[in-house]
């Protein structure tokens, strides 16, 4: 199995490379699997009927949604955990703390160790296309396979390029949110 990526030669419109052509990598667009197909496959693998699997799927979804919106980090079988988070502006005075400081709410997925190891060892195949859309090169990954950890922003992805969003405020479970401040031009942080 391998992940497929396209590197297309494009003219950069903004930033320090504006006006130049550079190869920009993006994952191939994979089709979204319909829920019915996932349920049918899960029913086949588990030996239960599709009706039972559908009922379990719906019930699990409702439980995950209810618990996550109460502030819990909820386990997703074989995948990792999911929780809600937020980004907010920081203030120096406690009297200035108010809900309008919240800039975004988001969902944070933290992959399980086994899933990260699987992704780390999966080859990435890059197909390069020039500005005319002609395939000019194919590359298979030889990198270390470092997987970003949304729980550790200063962790193993320290050599990221200029496209990496840093910072952000997070709220892990029922803990008090930490403050990332306004100095976050990328706006992101706990992306997963």
N, C-alpha and C. Protein backbone atom coordinates (compact mmCIF):
# COMPACT_ATOMS: atom_id res chain seq x y z
N UNK A 1 0.84 -1.17 0.00
CA UNK A 1 0.00 0.00 0.00
C UNK A 1 0.89 1.25 0.00
N UNK A 2 0.45 2.28 -0.69
CA UNK A 2 1.19 3.54 -0.69
C UNK A 2 0.23 4.70 -0.78
N UNK A 3 0.67 5.85 -0.29
CA UNK A 3 -0.09 7.08 -0.41
C UNK A 3 0.36 7.78 -1.69
N UNK A 4 -0.59 8.30 -2.44
CA UNK A 4 -0.26 8.94 -3.71
C UNK A 4 -0.35 10.46 -3.56
N UNK A 5 0.69 11.13 -4.07
CA UNK A 5 0.80 12.58 -3.98
C UNK A 5 1.12 13.13 -5.36
N UNK A 6 0.55 14.30 -5.68
CA UNK A 6 0.89 15.01 -6.92
C UNK A 6 1.77 16.20 -6.57
N UNK A 7 2.82 16.41 -7.33
CA UNK A 7 3.64 17.62 -7.22
C UNK A 7 3.44 18.37 -8.52
N UNK A 8 2.69 19.45 -8.49
CA UNK A 8 2.39 20.23 -9.69
C UNK A 8 3.20 21.51 -9.70
N UNK A 9 3.76 21.83 -10.86
CA UNK A 9 4.50 23.08 -11.01
C UNK A 9 3.49 24.22 -11.17
N UNK A 10 3.51 25.14 -10.20
CA UNK A 10 2.55 26.24 -10.21
C UNK A 10 3.25 27.56 -9.95
N UNK A 11 2.65 28.61 -10.48
CA UNK A 11 3.17 29.94 -10.18
C UNK A 11 2.69 30.35 -8.79
N UNK A 12 3.61 30.74 -7.93
CA UNK A 12 3.28 31.18 -6.59
C UNK A 12 2.82 32.63 -6.66
N UNK A 13 1.69 32.93 -6.06
CA UNK A 13 1.08 34.27 -6.16
C UNK A 13 1.45 35.18 -5.00
N UNK A 14 1.74 34.62 -3.82
CA UNK A 14 2.03 35.46 -2.65
C UNK A 14 3.25 34.92 -1.91
N UNK A 15 3.78 35.72 -1.00
CA UNK A 15 4.89 35.28 -0.16
C UNK A 15 6.24 35.50 -0.80
N UNK A 16 7.27 34.95 -0.18
CA UNK A 16 8.63 35.21 -0.64
C UNK A 16 8.94 34.59 -2.00
N UNK A 17 8.14 33.63 -2.46
CA UNK A 17 8.36 33.01 -3.77
C UNK A 17 7.39 33.54 -4.83
N UNK A 18 6.69 34.62 -4.53
CA UNK A 18 5.71 35.18 -5.47
C UNK A 18 6.35 35.44 -6.83
N UNK A 19 5.64 35.05 -7.88
CA UNK A 19 6.11 35.28 -9.24
C UNK A 19 7.01 34.18 -9.79
N UNK A 20 7.34 33.19 -8.98
CA UNK A 20 8.18 32.09 -9.44
C UNK A 20 7.34 30.81 -9.54
N UNK A 21 7.85 29.88 -10.32
CA UNK A 21 7.19 28.57 -10.43
C UNK A 21 7.88 27.60 -9.48
N UNK A 22 7.09 26.88 -8.71
CA UNK A 22 7.61 25.90 -7.76
C UNK A 22 6.71 24.67 -7.79
N UNK A 23 7.30 23.53 -7.47
CA UNK A 23 6.50 22.30 -7.40
C UNK A 23 5.83 22.23 -6.04
N UNK A 24 4.51 22.16 -6.05
CA UNK A 24 3.70 22.15 -4.84
C UNK A 24 3.08 20.77 -4.69
N UNK A 25 3.31 20.14 -3.54
CA UNK A 25 2.78 18.79 -3.32
C UNK A 25 1.44 18.82 -2.60
N UNK A 26 0.54 18.01 -3.11
CA UNK A 26 -0.78 17.84 -2.51
C UNK A 26 -1.17 16.37 -2.61
N UNK A 27 -1.86 15.85 -1.60
CA UNK A 27 -2.32 14.46 -1.71
C UNK A 27 -3.28 14.31 -2.88
N UNK A 28 -3.26 13.13 -3.50
CA UNK A 28 -4.27 12.83 -4.51
C UNK A 28 -5.62 12.92 -3.83
N UNK A 29 -6.61 13.35 -4.55
CA UNK A 29 -7.95 13.44 -3.96
C UNK A 29 -8.56 12.05 -3.97
N UNK A 30 -8.74 11.51 -2.78
CA UNK A 30 -9.37 10.20 -2.66
C UNK A 30 -10.87 10.41 -2.56
N UNK A 31 -11.63 9.49 -3.11
CA UNK A 31 -13.07 9.60 -3.01
C UNK A 31 -13.51 9.29 -1.59
N UNK A 32 -14.56 9.93 -1.16
CA UNK A 32 -15.12 9.68 0.17
C UNK A 32 -15.95 8.41 0.10
N UNK A 33 -15.67 7.50 1.00
CA UNK A 33 -16.45 6.26 1.02
C UNK A 33 -17.80 6.53 1.66
N UNK A 34 -18.85 6.09 1.02
CA UNK A 34 -20.19 6.26 1.55
C UNK A 34 -20.35 5.44 2.83
N UNK A 35 -21.14 5.96 3.75
CA UNK A 35 -21.38 5.27 5.02
C UNK A 35 -21.90 3.85 4.78
N UNK A 36 -22.77 3.69 3.80
CA UNK A 36 -23.34 2.37 3.51
C UNK A 36 -22.26 1.36 3.15
N UNK A 37 -21.27 1.80 2.40
CA UNK A 37 -20.18 0.90 2.00
C UNK A 37 -19.35 0.49 3.22
N UNK A 38 -19.08 1.44 4.10
CA UNK A 38 -18.31 1.16 5.30
C UNK A 38 -19.07 0.17 6.19
N UNK A 39 -20.35 0.39 6.36
CA UNK A 39 -21.18 -0.49 7.19
C UNK A 39 -21.26 -1.88 6.58
N UNK A 40 -21.43 -1.96 5.27
CA UNK A 40 -21.49 -3.26 4.58
C UNK A 40 -20.19 -4.03 4.79
N UNK A 41 -19.04 -3.34 4.64
CA UNK A 41 -17.73 -4.00 4.82
C UNK A 41 -17.52 -4.43 6.27
N UNK A 42 -17.90 -3.56 7.22
CA UNK A 42 -17.75 -3.89 8.64
C UNK A 42 -18.63 -5.08 9.02
N UNK A 43 -19.85 -5.11 8.48
CA UNK A 43 -20.76 -6.23 8.74
C UNK A 43 -20.18 -7.53 8.19
N UNK A 44 -19.61 -7.46 7.01
CA UNK A 44 -19.01 -8.63 6.38
C UNK A 44 -17.82 -9.15 7.21
N UNK A 45 -16.97 -8.23 7.68
CA UNK A 45 -15.79 -8.63 8.45
C UNK A 45 -16.14 -9.14 9.85
N UNK A 46 -17.24 -8.64 10.42
CA UNK A 46 -17.59 -9.04 11.79
C UNK A 46 -18.58 -10.20 11.85
N UNK A 47 -19.24 -10.49 10.73
CA UNK A 47 -20.21 -11.59 10.71
C UNK A 47 -21.58 -11.22 11.26
N UNK A 48 -21.84 -9.93 11.49
CA UNK A 48 -23.17 -9.52 11.93
C UNK A 48 -23.93 -8.93 10.75
N UNK A 49 -25.24 -8.82 10.90
CA UNK A 49 -26.05 -8.30 9.80
C UNK A 49 -25.81 -6.80 9.62
N UNK A 50 -26.12 -6.32 8.42
CA UNK A 50 -25.95 -4.90 8.14
C UNK A 50 -26.86 -4.06 9.03
N UNK A 51 -28.06 -4.57 9.33
CA UNK A 51 -28.99 -3.85 10.19
C UNK A 51 -28.42 -3.66 11.59
N UNK A 52 -27.83 -4.72 12.14
CA UNK A 52 -27.22 -4.64 13.47
C UNK A 52 -26.03 -3.69 13.43
N UNK A 53 -25.21 -3.81 12.38
CA UNK A 53 -24.04 -2.93 12.25
C UNK A 53 -24.47 -1.47 12.13
N UNK A 54 -25.55 -1.21 11.38
CA UNK A 54 -26.05 0.16 11.23
C UNK A 54 -26.50 0.71 12.59
N UNK A 55 -27.21 -0.11 13.37
CA UNK A 55 -27.67 0.32 14.69
C UNK A 55 -26.49 0.62 15.61
N UNK A 56 -25.47 -0.24 15.58
CA UNK A 56 -24.26 -0.02 16.39
C UNK A 56 -23.54 1.25 15.95
N UNK A 57 -23.41 1.43 14.64
CA UNK A 57 -22.75 2.61 14.08
C UNK A 57 -23.44 3.89 14.55
N UNK A 58 -24.78 3.90 14.43
CA UNK A 58 -25.55 5.08 14.82
C UNK A 58 -25.42 5.35 16.32
N UNK A 59 -25.51 4.29 17.13
CA UNK A 59 -25.42 4.44 18.58
C UNK A 59 -24.03 4.93 18.99
N UNK A 60 -22.99 4.36 18.40
CA UNK A 60 -21.62 4.78 18.70
C UNK A 60 -21.43 6.26 18.34
N UNK A 61 -21.95 6.66 17.19
CA UNK A 61 -21.83 8.07 16.78
C UNK A 61 -22.50 9.01 17.76
N UNK A 62 -23.67 8.65 18.25
CA UNK A 62 -24.38 9.49 19.22
C UNK A 62 -23.63 9.57 20.55
N UNK A 63 -23.08 8.44 21.00
CA UNK A 63 -22.33 8.41 22.26
C UNK A 63 -21.06 9.26 22.13
N UNK A 64 -20.33 9.10 21.03
CA UNK A 64 -19.11 9.88 20.81
C UNK A 64 -19.42 11.37 20.80
N UNK A 65 -20.47 11.74 20.08
CA UNK A 65 -20.85 13.16 20.00
C UNK A 65 -21.22 13.71 21.37
N UNK A 66 -22.03 12.96 22.13
CA UNK A 66 -22.46 13.41 23.46
C UNK A 66 -21.28 13.57 24.40
N UNK A 67 -20.41 12.58 24.46
CA UNK A 67 -19.29 12.64 25.39
C UNK A 67 -18.27 13.68 24.97
N UNK A 68 -18.00 13.80 23.68
CA UNK A 68 -17.02 14.78 23.22
C UNK A 68 -17.50 16.20 23.51
N UNK A 69 -18.80 16.45 23.37
CA UNK A 69 -19.31 17.80 23.64
C UNK A 69 -19.41 18.09 25.13
N UNK A 70 -19.19 17.07 25.97
CA UNK A 70 -19.09 17.29 27.42
C UNK A 70 -17.64 17.52 27.84
N UNK A 71 -16.72 17.48 26.89
CA UNK A 71 -15.32 17.76 27.18
C UNK A 71 -14.42 16.54 27.29
N UNK A 72 -14.96 15.37 27.01
CA UNK A 72 -14.15 14.16 27.11
C UNK A 72 -13.35 13.93 25.82
N UNK A 73 -12.22 13.27 25.96
CA UNK A 73 -11.48 12.76 24.81
C UNK A 73 -11.98 11.33 24.62
N UNK A 74 -12.59 11.05 23.48
CA UNK A 74 -13.30 9.80 23.27
C UNK A 74 -12.50 8.88 22.35
N UNK A 75 -12.37 7.61 22.76
CA UNK A 75 -11.64 6.62 21.96
C UNK A 75 -12.44 6.25 20.71
N UNK A 76 -11.74 6.19 19.57
CA UNK A 76 -12.31 5.70 18.32
C UNK A 76 -11.61 4.38 18.03
N UNK A 77 -12.33 3.28 18.04
CA UNK A 77 -11.71 1.95 17.98
C UNK A 77 -10.70 1.79 16.85
N UNK A 78 -9.46 1.45 17.24
CA UNK A 78 -8.40 1.20 16.29
C UNK A 78 -7.82 2.42 15.63
N UNK A 79 -8.34 3.60 15.95
CA UNK A 79 -7.91 4.82 15.27
C UNK A 79 -7.18 5.80 16.18
N UNK A 80 -7.72 6.03 17.36
CA UNK A 80 -7.14 7.00 18.28
C UNK A 80 -8.22 7.63 19.13
N UNK A 81 -8.11 8.94 19.37
CA UNK A 81 -9.11 9.65 20.16
C UNK A 81 -9.54 10.92 19.45
N UNK A 82 -10.72 11.40 19.82
CA UNK A 82 -11.27 12.63 19.26
C UNK A 82 -11.74 13.50 20.40
N UNK A 83 -11.48 14.79 20.28
CA UNK A 83 -11.97 15.73 21.27
C UNK A 83 -12.21 17.08 20.61
N UNK A 84 -12.95 17.93 21.28
CA UNK A 84 -13.14 19.28 20.81
C UNK A 84 -12.10 20.19 21.42
N UNK A 85 -11.79 21.27 20.74
CA UNK A 85 -10.78 22.21 21.19
C UNK A 85 -11.19 23.60 20.73
N UNK A 86 -10.36 24.59 21.05
CA UNK A 86 -10.64 25.94 20.57
C UNK A 86 -9.36 26.73 20.44
N UNK A 87 -9.45 27.80 19.69
CA UNK A 87 -8.39 28.81 19.60
C UNK A 87 -8.97 30.08 20.19
N UNK A 88 -8.14 30.81 20.92
CA UNK A 88 -8.62 32.04 21.53
C UNK A 88 -7.48 33.04 21.68
N UNK A 89 -7.84 34.31 21.77
CA UNK A 89 -6.86 35.35 22.02
C UNK A 89 -6.52 35.34 23.50
N UNK A 90 -5.29 35.74 23.82
CA UNK A 90 -4.88 35.82 25.22
C UNK A 90 -5.04 37.25 25.73
N UNK A 91 -5.22 37.38 27.04
CA UNK A 91 -5.30 38.68 27.68
C UNK A 91 -4.47 38.64 28.95
N UNK A 92 -3.97 39.79 29.38
CA UNK A 92 -3.12 39.86 30.58
C UNK A 92 -3.95 39.97 31.85
N UNK A 93 -5.14 40.55 31.76
CA UNK A 93 -5.97 40.81 32.95
C UNK A 93 -7.15 39.86 32.98
N UNK A 94 -7.37 39.21 34.11
CA UNK A 94 -8.48 38.26 34.24
C UNK A 94 -9.83 38.94 33.99
N UNK A 95 -9.93 40.22 34.26
CA UNK A 95 -11.19 40.95 34.04
C UNK A 95 -11.52 41.08 32.55
N UNK A 96 -10.53 40.86 31.69
CA UNK A 96 -10.75 40.94 30.25
C UNK A 96 -11.13 39.60 29.62
N UNK A 97 -11.15 38.54 30.43
CA UNK A 97 -11.52 37.23 29.90
C UNK A 97 -13.01 37.21 29.62
N UNK A 98 -13.37 36.89 28.38
CA UNK A 98 -14.78 36.81 27.97
C UNK A 98 -14.88 35.89 26.77
N UNK A 99 -16.07 35.45 26.48
CA UNK A 99 -16.27 34.47 25.41
C UNK A 99 -15.90 35.01 24.04
N UNK A 100 -15.91 36.32 23.85
CA UNK A 100 -15.57 36.88 22.54
C UNK A 100 -14.10 36.69 22.19
N UNK A 101 -13.28 36.26 23.16
CA UNK A 101 -11.88 35.97 22.88
C UNK A 101 -11.73 34.68 22.06
N UNK A 102 -12.75 33.82 22.08
CA UNK A 102 -12.71 32.57 21.32
C UNK A 102 -12.80 32.89 19.84
N UNK A 103 -11.82 32.43 19.07
CA UNK A 103 -11.81 32.71 17.64
C UNK A 103 -12.33 31.54 16.81
N UNK A 104 -12.05 30.31 17.22
CA UNK A 104 -12.55 29.15 16.49
C UNK A 104 -12.75 27.98 17.45
N UNK A 105 -13.66 27.12 17.09
CA UNK A 105 -13.84 25.83 17.75
C UNK A 105 -13.44 24.78 16.73
N UNK A 106 -12.85 23.69 17.21
CA UNK A 106 -12.41 22.69 16.26
C UNK A 106 -12.43 21.29 16.87
N UNK A 107 -12.26 20.32 16.01
CA UNK A 107 -12.21 18.93 16.41
C UNK A 107 -10.77 18.47 16.26
N UNK A 108 -10.23 17.84 17.30
CA UNK A 108 -8.86 17.36 17.28
C UNK A 108 -8.88 15.84 17.30
N UNK A 109 -8.23 15.24 16.32
CA UNK A 109 -8.08 13.79 16.27
C UNK A 109 -6.64 13.45 16.60
N UNK A 110 -6.44 12.59 17.58
CA UNK A 110 -5.11 12.13 17.95
C UNK A 110 -5.00 10.67 17.58
N UNK A 111 -4.19 10.34 16.60
CA UNK A 111 -4.10 8.95 16.14
C UNK A 111 -3.47 8.03 17.17
N UNK A 112 -3.91 6.78 17.16
CA UNK A 112 -3.33 5.76 18.02
C UNK A 112 -1.91 5.47 17.57
N UNK A 113 -1.09 4.98 18.49
CA UNK A 113 0.31 4.65 18.19
C UNK A 113 0.39 3.69 17.01
N UNK A 114 -0.47 2.68 16.99
CA UNK A 114 -0.44 1.69 15.90
C UNK A 114 -0.75 2.34 14.56
N UNK A 115 -1.70 3.28 14.54
CA UNK A 115 -2.06 3.97 13.30
C UNK A 115 -0.91 4.86 12.84
N UNK A 116 -0.26 5.54 13.80
CA UNK A 116 0.90 6.38 13.44
C UNK A 116 2.04 5.53 12.88
N UNK A 117 2.26 4.36 13.49
CA UNK A 117 3.31 3.46 12.99
C UNK A 117 2.99 2.98 11.58
N UNK A 118 1.73 2.68 11.31
CA UNK A 118 1.31 2.25 9.98
C UNK A 118 1.56 3.37 8.96
N UNK A 119 1.19 4.59 9.33
CA UNK A 119 1.42 5.73 8.43
C UNK A 119 2.90 6.00 8.24
N UNK A 120 3.68 5.84 9.31
CA UNK A 120 5.13 6.07 9.25
C UNK A 120 5.81 5.13 8.27
N UNK A 121 5.35 3.90 8.18
CA UNK A 121 6.00 2.91 7.33
C UNK A 121 5.38 2.79 5.94
N UNK A 122 4.32 3.57 5.68
CA UNK A 122 3.67 3.54 4.38
C UNK A 122 4.45 4.41 3.38
N UNK A 123 4.76 3.85 2.23
CA UNK A 123 5.46 4.62 1.20
C UNK A 123 4.58 5.74 0.66
N UNK A 124 5.21 6.83 0.27
CA UNK A 124 4.53 7.92 -0.42
C UNK A 124 5.09 7.95 -1.84
N UNK A 125 4.20 7.86 -2.81
CA UNK A 125 4.60 7.91 -4.22
C UNK A 125 4.21 9.28 -4.76
N UNK A 126 5.21 10.03 -5.23
CA UNK A 126 5.00 11.39 -5.72
C UNK A 126 5.11 11.39 -7.24
N UNK A 127 4.07 11.87 -7.90
CA UNK A 127 4.09 12.02 -9.35
C UNK A 127 4.20 13.51 -9.65
N UNK A 128 5.24 13.90 -10.38
CA UNK A 128 5.51 15.31 -10.68
C UNK A 128 4.97 15.69 -12.05
N UNK A 129 4.28 16.83 -12.10
CA UNK A 129 3.73 17.35 -13.34
C UNK A 129 4.25 18.76 -13.56
N UNK A 130 4.66 19.05 -14.80
CA UNK A 130 5.12 20.41 -15.08
C UNK A 130 3.92 21.34 -15.25
N UNK A 131 4.19 22.60 -15.55
CA UNK A 131 3.11 23.60 -15.63
C UNK A 131 2.13 23.34 -16.77
N UNK A 132 2.53 22.47 -17.72
CA UNK A 132 1.62 22.12 -18.82
C UNK A 132 0.83 20.84 -18.52
N UNK A 133 1.04 20.27 -17.33
CA UNK A 133 0.31 19.06 -16.95
C UNK A 133 0.96 17.77 -17.41
N UNK A 134 2.19 17.85 -17.94
CA UNK A 134 2.90 16.65 -18.40
C UNK A 134 3.64 16.01 -17.25
N UNK A 135 3.50 14.67 -17.12
CA UNK A 135 4.24 13.96 -16.08
C UNK A 135 5.72 13.97 -16.41
N UNK A 136 6.54 14.43 -15.45
CA UNK A 136 7.97 14.56 -15.71
C UNK A 136 8.83 13.70 -14.79
N UNK A 137 8.26 13.19 -13.71
CA UNK A 137 9.06 12.42 -12.77
C UNK A 137 8.15 11.68 -11.79
N UNK A 138 8.66 10.55 -11.28
CA UNK A 138 7.97 9.80 -10.24
C UNK A 138 8.98 9.46 -9.15
N UNK A 139 8.60 9.69 -7.90
CA UNK A 139 9.50 9.49 -6.77
C UNK A 139 8.79 8.64 -5.71
N UNK A 140 9.52 7.72 -5.10
CA UNK A 140 9.00 6.96 -3.96
C UNK A 140 9.75 7.41 -2.72
N UNK A 141 9.02 7.63 -1.65
CA UNK A 141 9.59 8.21 -0.43
C UNK A 141 10.71 7.39 0.16
N UNK A 142 11.69 8.12 0.71
CA UNK A 142 12.77 7.51 1.49
C UNK A 142 12.96 8.28 2.79
N UNK A 143 11.96 9.13 3.13
CA UNK A 143 12.05 9.95 4.34
C UNK A 143 11.85 9.09 5.59
N UNK A 144 12.03 9.70 6.76
CA UNK A 144 11.92 8.99 8.03
C UNK A 144 10.47 8.66 8.39
N UNK A 145 9.53 9.25 7.69
CA UNK A 145 8.12 8.98 7.97
C UNK A 145 7.63 9.61 9.25
N UNK A 146 8.13 10.79 9.59
CA UNK A 146 7.73 11.47 10.82
C UNK A 146 6.25 11.83 10.73
N UNK A 147 5.49 11.48 11.75
CA UNK A 147 4.06 11.75 11.80
C UNK A 147 3.80 12.86 12.81
N UNK A 148 3.10 13.90 12.38
CA UNK A 148 2.79 15.02 13.26
C UNK A 148 1.94 14.54 14.43
N UNK A 149 2.21 15.08 15.60
CA UNK A 149 1.47 14.75 16.81
C UNK A 149 0.71 15.99 17.27
N UNK A 150 -0.63 16.00 17.14
CA UNK A 150 -1.39 17.20 17.51
C UNK A 150 -1.31 17.53 19.00
N UNK A 151 -0.92 16.56 19.82
CA UNK A 151 -0.81 16.81 21.26
C UNK A 151 0.55 17.38 21.63
N UNK A 152 1.51 17.39 20.69
CA UNK A 152 2.86 17.83 20.99
C UNK A 152 3.33 18.74 19.86
N UNK A 153 2.94 20.00 19.92
CA UNK A 153 3.24 20.93 18.83
C UNK A 153 4.72 21.16 18.63
N UNK A 154 5.54 20.95 19.64
CA UNK A 154 6.98 21.14 19.51
C UNK A 154 7.69 19.81 19.41
N UNK A 155 6.96 18.80 18.99
CA UNK A 155 7.50 17.44 18.97
C UNK A 155 8.28 17.10 17.74
N UNK A 156 8.02 15.95 17.18
CA UNK A 156 8.86 15.36 16.14
C UNK A 156 8.81 16.08 14.81
N UNK A 157 7.98 17.09 14.65
CA UNK A 157 7.89 17.77 13.36
C UNK A 157 8.62 19.09 13.38
N UNK A 158 9.77 19.16 14.07
CA UNK A 158 10.48 20.41 14.23
C UNK A 158 11.13 20.94 12.95
N UNK A 159 11.26 20.12 11.94
CA UNK A 159 11.89 20.56 10.69
C UNK A 159 10.89 20.90 9.60
N UNK A 160 9.66 21.23 9.99
CA UNK A 160 8.63 21.53 9.00
C UNK A 160 8.99 22.74 8.17
N UNK A 161 8.41 22.82 6.97
CA UNK A 161 8.68 23.94 6.07
C UNK A 161 7.75 25.11 6.36
N UNK A 162 7.78 26.11 5.48
CA UNK A 162 7.03 27.33 5.74
C UNK A 162 5.53 27.15 5.65
N UNK A 163 5.02 26.03 5.18
CA UNK A 163 3.58 25.82 5.08
C UNK A 163 2.96 25.38 6.39
N UNK A 164 3.77 25.12 7.42
CA UNK A 164 3.25 24.61 8.69
C UNK A 164 2.58 25.71 9.49
N UNK A 165 1.36 25.47 9.96
CA UNK A 165 0.69 26.39 10.87
C UNK A 165 1.12 26.04 12.28
N UNK A 166 1.44 27.03 13.08
CA UNK A 166 1.89 26.80 14.45
C UNK A 166 1.00 27.58 15.41
N UNK A 167 1.06 27.18 16.67
CA UNK A 167 0.39 27.92 17.72
C UNK A 167 -1.04 27.50 17.92
N UNK A 168 -1.83 28.37 18.51
CA UNK A 168 -3.23 28.08 18.77
C UNK A 168 -3.46 27.76 20.24
N UNK A 169 -4.68 27.90 20.65
CA UNK A 169 -5.07 27.62 22.01
C UNK A 169 -5.83 26.33 22.02
N UNK A 170 -5.57 25.49 22.99
CA UNK A 170 -6.26 24.22 23.04
C UNK A 170 -6.93 24.02 24.38
N UNK A 171 -7.93 23.16 24.36
CA UNK A 171 -8.60 22.77 25.59
C UNK A 171 -8.69 21.27 25.56
N UNK A 172 -7.87 20.60 26.33
CA UNK A 172 -7.85 19.15 26.36
C UNK A 172 -8.77 18.66 27.47
N UNK A 173 -9.90 18.10 27.06
CA UNK A 173 -10.84 17.58 28.04
C UNK A 173 -11.38 18.69 28.92
N UNK A 174 -11.33 18.50 30.24
CA UNK A 174 -11.88 19.46 31.17
C UNK A 174 -10.83 20.41 31.73
N UNK A 175 -9.65 20.45 31.13
CA UNK A 175 -8.60 21.34 31.61
C UNK A 175 -8.88 22.76 31.19
N UNK A 176 -8.26 23.70 31.88
CA UNK A 176 -8.36 25.09 31.50
C UNK A 176 -7.56 25.30 30.23
N UNK A 177 -8.12 26.03 29.26
CA UNK A 177 -7.39 26.24 28.00
C UNK A 177 -6.11 27.02 28.22
N UNK A 178 -5.07 26.64 27.47
CA UNK A 178 -3.87 27.45 27.46
C UNK A 178 -4.07 28.55 26.46
N UNK A 179 -3.26 29.60 26.54
CA UNK A 179 -3.48 30.72 25.64
C UNK A 179 -2.33 30.85 24.66
N UNK A 180 -2.70 30.87 23.38
CA UNK A 180 -1.70 30.97 22.32
C UNK A 180 -1.49 32.38 21.86
N UNK A 181 -2.48 33.24 22.04
CA UNK A 181 -2.30 34.64 21.71
C UNK A 181 -2.62 35.00 20.28
N UNK A 182 -2.42 36.29 20.00
CA UNK A 182 -2.73 36.83 18.67
C UNK A 182 -1.60 36.67 17.69
N UNK A 183 -0.44 36.22 18.13
CA UNK A 183 0.74 36.19 17.28
C UNK A 183 0.75 34.96 16.39
N UNK A 184 -0.38 34.42 16.06
CA UNK A 184 -0.47 33.20 15.28
C UNK A 184 -1.01 33.50 13.90
N UNK A 185 -0.17 33.92 12.95
CA UNK A 185 -0.65 34.30 11.63
C UNK A 185 -1.25 33.14 10.85
N UNK A 186 -0.82 31.92 11.14
CA UNK A 186 -1.36 30.76 10.43
C UNK A 186 -2.72 30.36 10.93
N UNK A 187 -3.04 30.72 12.17
CA UNK A 187 -4.35 30.44 12.72
C UNK A 187 -4.55 29.04 13.19
N UNK A 188 -3.72 28.11 12.80
CA UNK A 188 -3.95 26.71 13.15
C UNK A 188 -3.09 26.28 14.31
N UNK A 189 -3.19 25.03 14.61
CA UNK A 189 -2.40 24.47 15.68
C UNK A 189 -2.71 23.00 15.79
N UNK A 190 -3.76 22.69 16.53
CA UNK A 190 -4.14 21.30 16.77
C UNK A 190 -4.86 20.73 15.57
N UNK A 191 -4.23 20.70 14.45
CA UNK A 191 -4.91 20.17 13.28
C UNK A 191 -4.67 18.68 13.22
N UNK A 192 -5.70 17.93 12.92
CA UNK A 192 -5.55 16.50 12.86
C UNK A 192 -6.59 15.84 12.13
